[in-house]
Amino acid sequence: MLDLYSLSEQINEKKEILAKHKKELKSNMENVFAFLKSADEKKIQSVLAKIPSKDEKNEILFCLPYYSNYDEFLKSHRCHLNLEYEVFAVDGSNTEIDRHNLTPYYVLNIACVFIAYGEKESRFWYRTFPYIYLDQELYSDKDDVTFKNSSEISQERQQKEFEAILEYIEKSTQTDKLKIVLYDGNLVDWSQDRQGMRFGRKANAILERIFILAEQKKIAVCGFISVPKNSIISNIYRIHMCEKPRINCRECPKEQKRECEKIGRIKDVVLFSGLREGEYSNIFYTLGRAFDEFEKTDIGFVYLNTGYEIARIEFPLYIANDKVWFENVIGAIYHQCQLGFGYPISLTHAHEFSVISKDDKDSIESMLQSFEDNLVHYSAKKNNKIKRII
């Protein structure tokens, strides 16, 4: 049981520290805003000159406007509400591996929702795809001894979600009607480089196949991120302020690095807090080391005021290449957010259908118990939790 009184005392003690950090953040934000408003070709070129080459290990993630590299960081656009389109939404959920079960397992549940708007009668259908993993399927590929961790299971869930999207696109026929695929989350894992890989460059054959087919059939594949925590736009100012001719964060002393990282903590959504309801930011594309030529899996993004929050919308750059198509897509996503109180209604439905409830887990464990002759189906620890012994 939590000692709420003790927690309250701790929170009060830390209020002063939080207030100090908030003051520092506000000062840094003002500097970032001033730089972005005054950005021009000369300033941006000086920033790009500091970026390490491909063969250098240091990397800092930043972005530029897609249509202009210099003076459109804070530009906003008004959504044109779109009421005629088809949306296919995917979301998934999973259980964790409970080692206290006699038969450990985990389950993935992928939910797909389809809604067609603009017809005499709107069409709606959904389908779920459950997957259960037992025995050797529980172990990590790293050592075949340790159970898979949460991250590994989440990656499997994402792969199944992508498979559902691919199946929908493969079966779709090209029509004049606007078609959108909505995915809950980032299309690309921007944390990959922390594991020694290029930002967004880890090969994902199924995702590349999705984008290639979707472009051919003119289907807009978009990721919707609620409460985004990205902090990459402010990095352009961070690079600008670096005194070194080439960025190399490993050479900086800790104190200097801490001051620099304070700028990097400024969230993108804060920079676009001035967006009014129904407005979206300029299109950005993300760059890391060497900023390679664009590929089919390269991702652009905008920030959209949904009426409830500033959300991040990600999409492959083939959508950004057709401005009229892109505007129709954003208008349809904004319509979804109006129906869903700030969050796409189709993704809300997909989430509801994907949830694995406690009753579901009880039913699964009841089915698994029929495979075992042993009367003890749980560890003593779990058995006591179930019976709530006092």
Protein backbone atom coordinates (compact mmCIF):
# COMPACT_ATOMS: atom_id res chain seq x y z
CA MET A 1 0.00 0.00 0.00
CA LEU A 2 1.34 3.42 -0.94
CA ASP A 3 2.13 5.92 1.78
CA LEU A 4 0.52 8.92 0.05
CA TYR A 5 1.48 11.31 2.83
CA SER A 6 5.16 10.48 2.35
CA LEU A 7 4.85 10.87 -1.42
CA SER A 8 3.16 14.25 -0.97
CA GLU A 9 6.09 15.46 1.16
CA GLN A 10 8.58 14.33 -1.49
CA ILE A 11 6.66 16.11 -4.26
CA ASN A 12 6.61 19.35 -2.28
CA GLU A 13 10.35 19.12 -1.69
CA LYS A 14 10.99 18.75 -5.42
CA LYS A 15 8.71 21.61 -6.51
CA GLU A 16 11.57 24.10 -6.27
CA ILE A 17 13.77 21.98 -8.53
CA LEU A 18 10.93 21.58 -11.03
CA ALA A 19 10.31 25.33 -11.02
CA LYS A 20 14.01 25.99 -11.71
CA HIS A 21 14.02 23.55 -14.64
CA LYS A 22 10.85 25.13 -16.00
CA LYS A 23 12.49 28.56 -15.92
CA GLU A 24 15.57 27.25 -17.77
CA LEU A 25 13.34 25.57 -20.33
CA LYS A 26 11.42 28.79 -20.98
CA SER A 27 14.66 30.71 -21.58
CA ASN A 28 15.94 28.07 -23.98
CA MET A 29 12.60 27.96 -25.78
CA GLU A 30 12.75 31.68 -26.45
CA ASN A 31 16.20 31.25 -27.99
CA VAL A 32 15.03 28.35 -30.17
CA PHE A 33 11.98 30.30 -31.34
CA ALA A 34 14.13 33.31 -32.21
CA PHE A 35 16.54 31.13 -34.21
CA LEU A 36 13.81 29.30 -36.13
CA LYS A 37 12.07 32.55 -37.01
CA SER A 38 15.31 34.03 -38.33
CA ALA A 39 16.57 30.89 -40.09
CA ASP A 40 17.90 31.52 -43.60
CA GLU A 41 20.08 29.73 -46.14
CA LYS A 42 23.34 30.95 -44.60
CA LYS A 43 22.46 29.73 -41.09
CA ILE A 44 21.22 26.36 -42.28
CA GLN A 45 24.26 25.77 -44.46
CA SER A 46 26.52 26.53 -41.50
CA VAL A 47 24.60 23.92 -39.50
CA LEU A 48 24.86 21.29 -42.23
CA ALA A 49 28.61 21.89 -42.46
CA LYS A 50 28.97 20.67 -38.86
CA ILE A 51 27.28 17.29 -39.46
CA PRO A 52 29.64 14.27 -39.32
CA SER A 53 30.14 12.15 -42.42
CA LYS A 54 28.92 8.56 -42.89
CA ASP A 55 32.03 6.91 -41.53
CA GLU A 56 32.00 8.91 -38.28
CA LYS A 57 30.24 7.39 -35.26
CA ASN A 58 28.79 10.53 -33.75
CA GLU A 59 25.22 11.34 -34.66
CA ILE A 60 22.62 13.94 -33.78
CA LEU A 61 19.09 13.69 -35.11
CA PHE A 62 17.53 16.81 -36.63
CA CYS A 63 15.04 17.76 -39.35
CA LEU A 64 14.37 20.30 -42.07
CA PRO A 65 11.20 21.46 -43.83
CA TYR A 66 10.51 19.20 -46.82
CA TYR A 67 9.56 21.89 -49.34
CA SER A 68 12.07 24.49 -48.16
CA ASN A 69 15.24 24.04 -46.11
CA TYR A 70 15.45 27.53 -44.73
CA ASP A 71 12.51 29.67 -43.71
CA GLU A 72 9.45 27.52 -43.02
CA PHE A 73 10.10 25.93 -39.62
CA LEU A 74 7.13 27.57 -37.92
CA LYS A 75 4.79 27.84 -40.90
CA SER A 76 1.22 26.63 -40.29
CA HIS A 77 -1.56 25.50 -42.62
CA ARG A 78 -5.31 25.19 -42.25
CA CYS A 79 -6.96 21.77 -42.67
CA HIS A 80 -9.56 21.38 -45.39
CA LEU A 81 -12.04 19.02 -43.73
CA ASN A 82 -12.55 15.88 -45.80
CA LEU A 83 -15.75 13.84 -45.37
CA GLU A 84 -15.42 11.33 -48.21
CA TYR A 85 -12.84 8.57 -47.75
CA GLU A 86 -12.18 5.04 -46.60
CA VAL A 87 -10.05 4.34 -43.55
CA PHE A 88 -8.43 1.09 -42.47
CA ALA A 89 -7.09 1.21 -38.90
CA VAL A 90 -4.85 -1.28 -37.11
CA ASP A 91 -3.93 -1.63 -33.45
CA GLY A 92 -2.68 -4.50 -31.33
CA SER A 93 -2.17 -5.58 -27.75
CA ASN A 94 -0.29 -8.35 -26.01
CA THR A 95 0.10 -10.11 -22.69
CA GLU A 96 3.42 -10.58 -20.94
CA ILE A 97 4.98 -13.93 -20.11
CA ASP A 98 4.00 -14.99 -16.59
CA ARG A 99 6.65 -17.40 -15.31
CA HIS A 100 4.38 -18.32 -12.38
CA ASN A 101 2.05 -20.23 -14.70
CA LEU A 102 2.77 -23.94 -15.03
CA THR A 103 2.37 -23.43 -18.81
CA PRO A 104 3.85 -19.99 -19.56
CA TYR A 105 2.51 -18.23 -22.65
CA TYR A 106 1.90 -14.89 -24.25
CA VAL A 107 -0.80 -13.73 -26.65
CA LEU A 108 -0.89 -11.10 -29.39
CA ASN A 109 -4.22 -9.73 -30.56
CA ILE A 110 -4.34 -7.61 -33.73
CA ALA A 111 -7.54 -5.70 -34.52
CA CYS A 112 -8.44 -4.22 -37.91
CA VAL A 113 -11.27 -1.75 -38.51
CA PHE A 114 -12.61 -0.52 -41.86
CA ILE A 115 -14.98 2.45 -42.24
CA ALA A 116 -16.21 4.06 -45.47
CA TYR A 117 -17.56 7.63 -45.29
CA GLY A 118 -19.42 9.76 -47.83
CA GLU A 119 -21.80 7.09 -49.06
CA LYS A 120 -25.57 6.85 -48.52
CA GLU A 121 -24.87 4.36 -45.75
CA SER A 122 -21.46 4.26 -44.12
CA ARG A 123 -19.85 0.81 -44.09
CA PHE A 124 -18.14 -0.62 -41.03
CA TRP A 125 -16.46 -3.94 -40.32
CA TYR A 126 -13.80 -5.27 -38.00
CA ARG A 127 -11.73 -8.39 -37.57
CA THR A 128 -9.29 -9.64 -34.95
CA PHE A 129 -6.28 -11.90 -35.37
CA PRO A 130 -5.18 -13.68 -32.14
CA TYR A 131 -1.83 -15.49 -31.82
CA ILE A 132 -0.66 -17.61 -28.89
CA TYR A 133 2.98 -18.53 -28.19
CA LEU A 134 4.06 -21.52 -26.09
CA ASP A 135 7.08 -23.64 -25.24
CA GLN A 136 10.16 -22.81 -27.38
CA GLU A 137 8.37 -19.80 -28.90
CA LEU A 138 8.76 -18.01 -25.55
CA TYR A 139 12.54 -17.80 -25.67
CA SER A 140 14.62 -14.97 -27.01
CA ASP A 141 16.64 -15.60 -30.15
CA LYS A 142 19.62 -14.13 -28.33
CA ASP A 143 20.32 -17.17 -26.16
CA ASP A 144 17.38 -19.65 -26.31
CA VAL A 145 17.41 -19.67 -22.50
CA THR A 146 15.90 -16.33 -21.46
CA PHE A 147 12.24 -15.50 -21.96
CA LYS A 148 11.50 -12.73 -24.46
CA ASN A 149 11.35 -9.29 -22.89
CA SER A 150 8.62 -6.68 -23.40
CA SER A 151 10.52 -4.98 -26.23
CA GLU A 152 10.89 -8.22 -28.21
CA ILE A 153 7.21 -9.06 -27.81
CA SER A 154 6.25 -5.52 -28.87
CA GLN A 155 8.37 -5.87 -32.01
CA GLU A 156 6.55 -9.11 -32.85
CA ARG A 157 3.22 -7.38 -32.32
CA GLN A 158 4.29 -4.56 -34.64
CA GLN A 159 5.30 -7.07 -37.30
CA LYS A 160 1.86 -8.70 -37.10
CA GLU A 161 0.23 -5.28 -37.38
CA PHE A 162 2.28 -4.56 -40.51
CA GLU A 163 1.27 -7.96 -41.93
CA ALA A 164 -2.40 -7.03 -41.47
CA ILE A 165 -1.80 -3.72 -43.27
CA LEU A 166 0.01 -5.48 -46.11
CA GLU A 167 -2.85 -7.97 -46.54
CA TYR A 168 -5.36 -5.11 -46.76
CA ILE A 169 -3.29 -3.24 -49.35
CA GLU A 170 -2.69 -6.37 -51.42
CA LYS A 171 -6.44 -7.03 -51.59
CA SER A 172 -7.36 -3.39 -52.31
CA THR A 173 -8.30 -2.29 -55.79
CA GLN A 174 -7.38 1.18 -57.00
CA THR A 175 -10.32 3.59 -57.15
CA ASP A 176 -10.83 7.35 -57.24
CA LYS A 177 -11.91 7.35 -53.60
CA LEU A 178 -9.39 8.49 -51.00
CA LYS A 179 -8.01 5.53 -49.04
CA ILE A 180 -6.12 5.87 -45.77
CA VAL A 181 -4.39 3.37 -43.50
CA LEU A 182 -3.98 4.53 -39.89
CA TYR A 183 -1.44 2.90 -37.62
CA ASP A 184 -1.19 3.63 -33.90
CA GLY A 185 2.40 4.75 -33.30
CA ASN A 186 5.59 5.56 -35.17
CA LEU A 187 6.07 3.98 -38.58
CA VAL A 188 9.82 3.85 -37.90
CA ASP A 189 11.59 3.29 -34.58
CA TRP A 190 13.63 6.48 -34.15
CA SER A 191 15.51 4.98 -31.18
CA GLN A 192 17.28 2.40 -33.33
CA ASP A 193 20.58 4.25 -33.52
CA ARG A 194 20.98 3.90 -29.76
CA GLN A 195 21.41 0.21 -30.49
CA GLY A 196 24.18 0.86 -33.01
CA MET A 197 22.01 1.28 -36.09
CA ARG A 198 21.19 4.23 -38.33
CA PHE A 199 18.13 6.26 -37.36
CA GLY A 200 15.22 4.78 -39.26
CA ARG A 201 17.53 2.69 -41.45
CA LYS A 202 17.01 -0.78 -40.01
CA ALA A 203 15.81 -2.93 -42.90
CA ASN A 204 12.14 -3.84 -42.65
CA ALA A 205 11.17 -5.75 -45.77
CA ILE A 206 7.45 -5.86 -44.97
CA LEU A 207 7.26 -2.09 -44.34
CA GLU A 208 9.08 -1.38 -47.60
CA ARG A 209 6.67 -3.71 -49.41
CA ILE A 210 3.73 -1.85 -47.83
CA PHE A 211 5.00 1.52 -49.03
CA ILE A 212 5.77 0.33 -52.57
CA LEU A 213 2.33 -1.28 -53.03
CA ALA A 214 0.52 1.60 -51.30
CA GLU A 215 2.14 4.14 -53.61
CA GLN A 216 1.15 2.09 -56.66
CA LYS A 217 -2.47 1.82 -55.46
CA LYS A 218 -2.57 5.39 -54.13
CA ILE A 219 -3.22 4.43 -50.53
CA ALA A 220 -1.96 6.80 -47.82
CA VAL A 221 -0.25 4.92 -44.96
CA CYS A 222 0.02 7.12 -41.87
CA GLY A 223 1.16 6.69 -38.28
CA PHE A 224 -0.69 8.64 -35.59
CA ILE A 225 1.24 9.47 -32.41
CA SER A 226 -0.74 10.87 -29.50
CA VAL A 227 1.29 12.90 -26.96
CA PRO A 228 4.48 12.73 -29.08
CA LYS A 229 7.74 13.07 -27.18
CA ASN A 230 10.07 13.81 -30.10
CA SER A 231 12.63 16.57 -29.57
CA ILE A 232 14.42 16.93 -32.87
CA ILE A 233 13.44 20.32 -34.30
CA SER A 234 15.22 22.12 -31.47
CA ASN A 235 18.39 20.20 -32.38
CA ILE A 236 18.94 22.48 -35.37
CA TYR A 237 19.55 25.30 -32.88
CA ARG A 238 21.65 23.00 -30.72
CA ILE A 239 23.96 22.31 -33.68
CA HIS A 240 24.04 26.02 -34.57
CA MET A 241 25.19 26.95 -31.06
CA CYS A 242 27.95 24.31 -30.94
CA GLU A 243 31.37 25.98 -30.97
CA LYS A 244 33.08 23.04 -32.68
CA PRO A 245 33.52 23.05 -36.46
CA ARG A 246 32.24 19.43 -36.51
CA ILE A 247 29.75 17.90 -34.09
CA ASN A 248 31.36 15.38 -31.77
CA CYS A 249 29.45 15.10 -28.51
CA ARG A 250 31.90 12.53 -27.14
CA GLU A 251 34.62 15.16 -26.87
CA CYS A 252 32.57 17.56 -24.77
CA PRO A 253 33.00 17.62 -20.96
CA LYS A 254 29.99 16.52 -18.94
CA GLU A 255 28.99 20.00 -17.79
CA GLN A 256 29.02 21.38 -21.32
CA LYS A 257 27.09 18.36 -22.54
CA ARG A 258 24.43 18.86 -19.88
CA GLU A 259 23.87 22.47 -20.96
CA CYS A 260 23.60 21.39 -24.58
CA GLU A 261 21.16 18.59 -23.79
CA LYS A 262 18.83 21.06 -22.07
CA ILE A 263 18.03 22.45 -25.52
CA GLY A 264 17.42 18.95 -26.82
CA ARG A 265 14.78 18.39 -24.12
CA ILE A 266 12.47 20.96 -25.72
CA LYS A 267 9.64 18.88 -27.18
CA ASP A 268 8.50 19.54 -30.74
CA VAL A 269 4.90 19.87 -29.55
CA VAL A 270 5.92 22.85 -27.41
CA LEU A 271 7.34 24.61 -30.48
CA PHE A 272 3.98 24.13 -32.21
CA SER A 273 1.78 24.96 -29.24
CA GLY A 274 0.65 28.04 -31.19
CA LEU A 275 -1.19 25.93 -33.75
CA ARG A 276 -4.91 26.58 -33.61
CA GLU A 277 -7.48 23.79 -33.80
CA GLY A 278 -7.47 22.28 -37.28
CA GLU A 279 -4.05 23.70 -38.18
CA TYR A 280 -0.96 21.65 -38.98
CA SER A 281 2.73 22.43 -39.27
CA ASN A 282 4.92 22.44 -42.31
CA ILE A 283 6.06 19.00 -43.54
CA PHE A 284 9.41 17.92 -42.09
CA TYR A 285 11.77 15.13 -42.96
CA THR A 286 14.23 13.71 -40.45
CA LEU A 287 17.96 13.61 -41.01
CA GLY A 288 20.77 11.93 -39.17
CA ARG A 289 24.34 11.18 -40.11
CA ALA A 290 25.20 11.95 -43.75
CA PHE A 291 21.50 12.57 -44.65
CA ASP A 292 21.29 9.97 -47.41
CA GLU A 293 19.21 10.34 -50.53
CA PHE A 294 15.52 9.60 -49.94
CA GLU A 295 14.38 5.99 -50.10
CA LYS A 296 10.95 4.36 -50.21
CA THR A 297 10.98 3.94 -46.44
CA ASP A 298 11.90 7.54 -45.63
CA ILE A 299 9.39 9.23 -43.37
CA GLY A 300 7.99 12.76 -43.27
CA PHE A 301 5.78 14.19 -40.56
CA VAL A 302 3.60 17.09 -39.49
CA TYR A 303 2.15 18.24 -36.19
CA LEU A 304 -1.65 18.64 -36.11
CA ASN A 305 -3.83 20.39 -33.56
CA THR A 306 -6.66 17.85 -33.28
CA GLY A 307 -8.75 20.06 -31.02
CA TYR A 308 -7.51 18.24 -27.94
CA GLU A 309 -3.74 18.00 -28.34
CA ILE A 310 -0.85 18.49 -30.77
CA ALA A 311 -0.43 15.08 -32.44
CA ARG A 312 2.32 13.86 -34.76
CA ILE A 313 1.32 12.39 -38.12
CA GLU A 314 3.99 10.31 -39.91
CA PHE A 315 3.85 9.19 -43.53
CA PRO A 316 6.15 7.96 -46.32
CA LEU A 317 7.41 10.82 -48.47
CA TYR A 318 5.56 9.64 -51.59
CA ILE A 319 2.46 11.23 -50.03
CA ALA A 320 4.21 14.57 -49.52
CA ASN A 321 5.17 14.65 -53.20
CA ASP A 322 1.50 15.21 -54.15
CA LYS A 323 0.32 18.30 -52.26
CA VAL A 324 -3.36 17.94 -53.16
CA TRP A 325 -3.39 14.29 -52.08
CA PHE A 326 -1.53 15.15 -48.88
CA GLU A 327 -4.01 17.92 -47.99
CA ASN A 328 -6.94 15.51 -48.55
CA VAL A 329 -5.27 12.94 -46.29
CA ILE A 330 -4.69 15.43 -43.46
CA GLY A 331 -8.27 16.68 -43.86
CA ALA A 332 -9.58 13.12 -43.46
CA ILE A 333 -7.40 12.46 -40.40
CA TYR A 334 -8.65 15.70 -38.84
CA HIS A 335 -12.23 14.52 -39.49
CA GLN A 336 -11.36 11.25 -37.72
CA CYS A 337 -10.10 13.28 -34.76
CA GLN A 338 -13.28 15.35 -34.63
CA LEU A 339 -15.35 12.17 -34.44
CA GLY A 340 -13.03 10.71 -31.79
CA PHE A 341 -12.69 13.74 -29.46
CA GLY A 342 -9.11 14.51 -30.55
CA TYR A 343 -8.06 10.95 -31.45
CA PRO A 344 -9.00 9.07 -34.67
CA ILE A 345 -12.28 7.22 -34.06
CA SER A 346 -11.16 4.27 -36.22
CA LEU A 347 -8.07 3.75 -34.05
CA THR A 348 -10.24 3.98 -30.93
CA HIS A 349 -12.38 1.14 -32.27
CA ALA A 350 -9.29 -0.88 -33.22
CA HIS A 351 -7.87 -0.43 -29.74
CA GLU A 352 -11.12 -1.54 -28.10
CA PHE A 353 -11.28 -4.68 -30.22
CA SER A 354 -7.61 -5.52 -29.59
CA VAL A 355 -7.73 -5.31 -25.77
CA ILE A 356 -7.07 -8.60 -23.97
CA SER A 357 -9.21 -8.50 -20.83
CA LYS A 358 -8.74 -10.32 -17.53
CA ASP A 359 -11.63 -12.60 -18.48
CA ASP A 360 -9.82 -13.39 -21.74
CA LYS A 361 -6.68 -14.33 -19.80
CA ASP A 362 -8.68 -16.51 -17.41
CA SER A 363 -10.23 -18.32 -20.37
CA ILE A 364 -6.84 -18.86 -22.01
CA GLU A 365 -5.33 -20.25 -18.79
CA SER A 366 -8.36 -22.50 -18.35
CA MET A 367 -7.79 -23.94 -21.83
CA LEU A 368 -4.08 -24.43 -21.11
CA GLN A 369 -4.82 -26.25 -17.85
CA SER A 370 -6.58 -29.00 -19.80
CA PHE A 371 -3.17 -29.92 -21.27
CA GLU A 372 -1.66 -30.62 -17.84
CA ASP A 373 -2.28 -33.51 -15.46
CA ASN A 374 -0.63 -31.69 -12.57
CA LEU A 375 -3.16 -30.22 -10.12
CA VAL A 376 -0.85 -27.25 -9.37
CA HIS A 377 -1.35 -24.78 -12.22
CA TYR A 378 0.36 -21.74 -10.62
CA SER A 379 3.28 -21.03 -8.36
CA ALA A 380 2.45 -20.60 -4.66
CA LYS A 381 3.15 -16.89 -5.03
CA LYS A 382 0.57 -16.41 -7.79
CA ASN A 383 -1.89 -18.74 -6.08
CA ASN A 384 -1.80 -16.53 -2.97
CA LYS A 385 -2.38 -13.42 -5.10
CA ILE A 386 -5.37 -15.03 -6.78
CA LYS A 387 -6.92 -16.09 -3.46
CA ARG A 388 -5.97 -12.76 -1.81
CA ILE A 389 -4.72 -14.37 1.40
CA ILE A 390 -4.46 -11.85 4.25
